[in-house]
C-alpha atoms as a PDB file:
ATOM      1  CA  MET A   1       0.000   0.000   0.000  1.00  0.00           C
ATOM      2  CA  ALA A   2       1.174   3.499  -0.787  1.00  0.00           C
ATOM      3  CA  SER A   3       2.170   5.738   2.058  1.00  0.00           C
ATOM      4  CA  ARG A   4      -0.516   7.930   3.560  1.00  0.00           C
ATOM      5  CA  SER A   5       1.510  11.032   2.627  1.00  0.00           C
ATOM      6  CA  THR A   6       1.378  10.138  -1.075  1.00  0.00           C
ATOM      7  CA  ILE A   7      -2.380   9.759  -0.978  1.00  0.00           C
ATOM      8  CA  THR A   8      -2.937  13.010   0.942  1.00  0.00           C
ATOM      9  CA  ARG A   9      -0.549  14.905  -1.365  1.00  0.00           C
ATOM     10  CA  ASN A  10      -2.473  13.661  -4.394  1.00  0.00           C
ATOM     11  CA  ASP A  11      -5.759  14.761  -2.799  1.00  0.00           C
ATOM     12  CA  ARG A  12      -4.299  18.216  -2.146  1.00  0.00           C
ATOM     13  CA  VAL A  13      -3.164  18.486  -5.784  1.00  0.00           C
ATOM     14  CA  LYS A  14      -6.663  17.490  -6.974  1.00  0.00           C
ATOM     15  CA  LYS A  15      -8.190  20.295  -4.887  1.00  0.00           C
ATOM     16  CA  THR A  16      -5.689  22.827  -6.259  1.00  0.00           C
ATOM     17  CA  VAL A  17      -6.418  21.746  -9.844  1.00  0.00           C
ATOM     18  CA  ALA A  18     -10.158  22.182  -9.271  1.00  0.00           C
ATOM     19  CA  LYS A  19      -9.608  25.578  -7.625  1.00  0.00           C
ATOM     20  CA  TYR A  20      -7.623  27.021 -10.548  1.00  0.00           C
ATOM     21  CA  ALA A  21      -9.393  25.214 -13.431  1.00  0.00           C
ATOM     22  CA  GLU A  22     -11.441  28.202 -14.626  1.00  0.00           C
ATOM     23  CA  LYS A  23      -8.535  30.624 -14.273  1.00  0.00           C
ATOM     24  CA  ARG A  24      -6.220  28.288 -16.207  1.00  0.00           C
ATOM     25  CA  ALA A  25      -8.783  27.913 -18.982  1.00  0.00           C
ATOM     26  CA  ALA A  26      -9.189  31.692 -19.281  1.00  0.00           C
ATOM     27  CA  LEU A  27      -5.431  32.263 -19.377  1.00  0.00           C
ATOM     28  CA  LYS A  28      -4.978  29.542 -21.993  1.00  0.00           C
ATOM     29  CA  LYS A  29      -7.738  30.998 -24.133  1.00  0.00           C
ATOM     30  CA  ALA A  30      -6.083  34.434 -23.918  1.00  0.00           C
ATOM     31  CA  LYS A  31      -2.691  32.759 -24.641  1.00  0.00           C
ATOM     32  CA  ASP A  32      -1.250  34.487 -21.578  1.00  0.00           C
ATOM     33  CA  TYR A  33       1.587  32.080 -20.834  1.00  0.00           C
ATOM     34  CA  ALA A  34       3.270  34.505 -18.461  1.00  0.00           C
ATOM     35  CA  GLY A  35       0.097  34.505 -16.380  1.00  0.00           C
ATOM     36  CA  LEU A  36       0.007  30.702 -16.465  1.00  0.00           C
ATOM     37  CA  ALA A  37       3.551  30.607 -15.161  1.00  0.00           C
ATOM     38  CA  GLN A  38       2.462  32.671 -12.135  1.00  0.00           C
ATOM     39  CA  LEU A  39      -0.036  30.016 -11.034  1.00  0.00           C
ATOM     40  CA  PRO A  40       1.080  27.339  -8.560  1.00  0.00           C
ATOM     41  CA  ARG A  41       2.712  24.260 -10.044  1.00  0.00           C
ATOM     42  CA  ASP A  42       0.096  22.016  -8.508  1.00  0.00           C
ATOM     43  CA  ALA A  43      -2.611  23.865 -10.466  1.00  0.00           C
ATOM     44  CA  SER A  44      -1.667  21.865 -13.557  1.00  0.00           C
ATOM     45  CA  PRO A  45      -3.802  18.749 -14.141  1.00  0.00           C
ATOM     46  CA  THR A  46      -0.751  16.751 -15.227  1.00  0.00           C
ATOM     47  CA  ARG A  47       0.532  16.812 -11.638  1.00  0.00           C
ATOM     48  CA  VAL A  48      -2.308  14.535 -10.474  1.00  0.00           C
ATOM     49  CA  ARG A  49      -1.290  10.887 -10.120  1.00  0.00           C
ATOM     50  CA  ASN A  50      -3.618   8.083 -11.111  1.00  0.00           C
ATOM     51  CA  LEU A  51      -3.739   6.101  -7.857  1.00  0.00           C
ATOM     52  CA  CYS A  52      -5.662   2.932  -6.996  1.00  0.00           C
ATOM     53  CA  GLU A  53      -8.719   3.791  -4.879  1.00  0.00           C
ATOM     54  CA  LEU A  54      -8.245   0.740  -2.646  1.00  0.00           C
ATOM     55  CA  THR A  55      -4.489   0.519  -2.117  1.00  0.00           C
ATOM     56  CA  GLY A  56      -2.987   3.775  -3.386  1.00  0.00           C
ATOM     57  CA  ARG A  57      -0.772   1.912  -5.857  1.00  0.00           C
ATOM     58  CA  SER A  58       0.409   4.226  -8.641  1.00  0.00           C
ATOM     59  CA  ARG A  59       1.371   1.727 -11.329  1.00  0.00           C
ATOM     60  CA  SER A  60      -0.889  -0.289 -13.622  1.00  0.00           C
ATOM     61  CA  VAL A  61      -4.135   1.407 -12.565  1.00  0.00           C
ATOM     62  CA  TYR A  62      -7.112   0.789 -14.856  1.00  0.00           C
ATOM     63  CA  ARG A  63      -8.826   4.109 -15.491  1.00  0.00           C
ATOM     64  CA  LYS A  64     -12.235   2.563 -16.051  1.00  0.00           C
ATOM     65  CA  PHE A  65     -12.299   0.930 -12.625  1.00  0.00           C
ATOM     66  CA  ARG A  66      -9.795   3.231 -10.821  1.00  0.00           C
ATOM     67  CA  VAL A  67      -8.250   0.086  -9.324  1.00  0.00           C
ATOM     68  CA  SER A  68      -4.827  -1.513  -9.816  1.00  0.00           C
ATOM     69  CA  ARG A  69      -4.434  -4.719 -11.820  1.00  0.00           C
ATOM     70  CA  ILE A  70      -3.852  -6.752  -8.672  1.00  0.00           C
ATOM     71  CA  LYS A  71      -7.018  -5.613  -6.914  1.00  0.00           C
ATOM     72  CA  LEU A  72      -9.001  -5.821 -10.155  1.00  0.00           C
ATOM     73  CA  ARG A  73      -8.067  -9.490 -10.483  1.00  0.00           C
ATOM     74  CA  GLU A  74      -9.012 -10.172  -6.865  1.00  0.00           C
ATOM     75  CA  LEU A  75     -12.365  -8.417  -7.265  1.00  0.00           C
ATOM     76  CA  ALA A  76     -13.066 -10.239 -10.535  1.00  0.00           C
ATOM     77  CA  LEU A  77     -12.343 -13.629  -8.980  1.00  0.00           C
ATOM     78  CA  GLU A  78     -14.705 -12.782  -6.105  1.00  0.00           C
ATOM     79  CA  GLY A  79     -17.390 -11.899  -8.670  1.00  0.00           C
ATOM     80  CA  LYS A  80     -17.631  -8.252  -7.618  1.00  0.00           C
ATOM     81  CA  VAL A  81     -16.965  -6.807 -11.087  1.00  0.00           C
ATOM     82  CA  PRO A  82     -20.058  -7.255 -13.298  1.00  0.00           C
ATOM     83  CA  GLY A  83     -19.386  -9.025 -16.585  1.00  0.00           C
ATOM     84  CA  MET A  84     -15.788  -9.896 -15.805  1.00  0.00           C
ATOM     85  CA  ARG A  85     -14.577 -13.439 -15.323  1.00  0.00           C
ATOM     86  CA  LYS A  86     -11.353 -15.366 -15.614  1.00  0.00           C
ATOM     87  CA  ALA A  87     -10.482 -16.255 -19.183  1.00  0.00           C
ATOM     88  CA  SER A  88     -10.059 -19.893 -20.175  1.00  0.00           C
ATOM     89  CA  TRP A  89      -9.549 -21.389 -23.599  1.00  0.00           C
END
């Protein structure tokens, strides 16, 4: 599991992105790149990490389910993901 600090930092970045979203859009539309540079770094949406909702794992996270591959497999085997089952051929 990811450290608690990583998860809380990512939550803080998400809040900052939401706070400055309209201002960023207006500055981009006006092509005011100097004004964009004055905004906080965490205001950029690319700073948000795609973390697993259950474990906080940052790698191999499926966007559709917002869960890592490991947890997705566990949930699928338990039958908790509708329409997903183990492949066999």
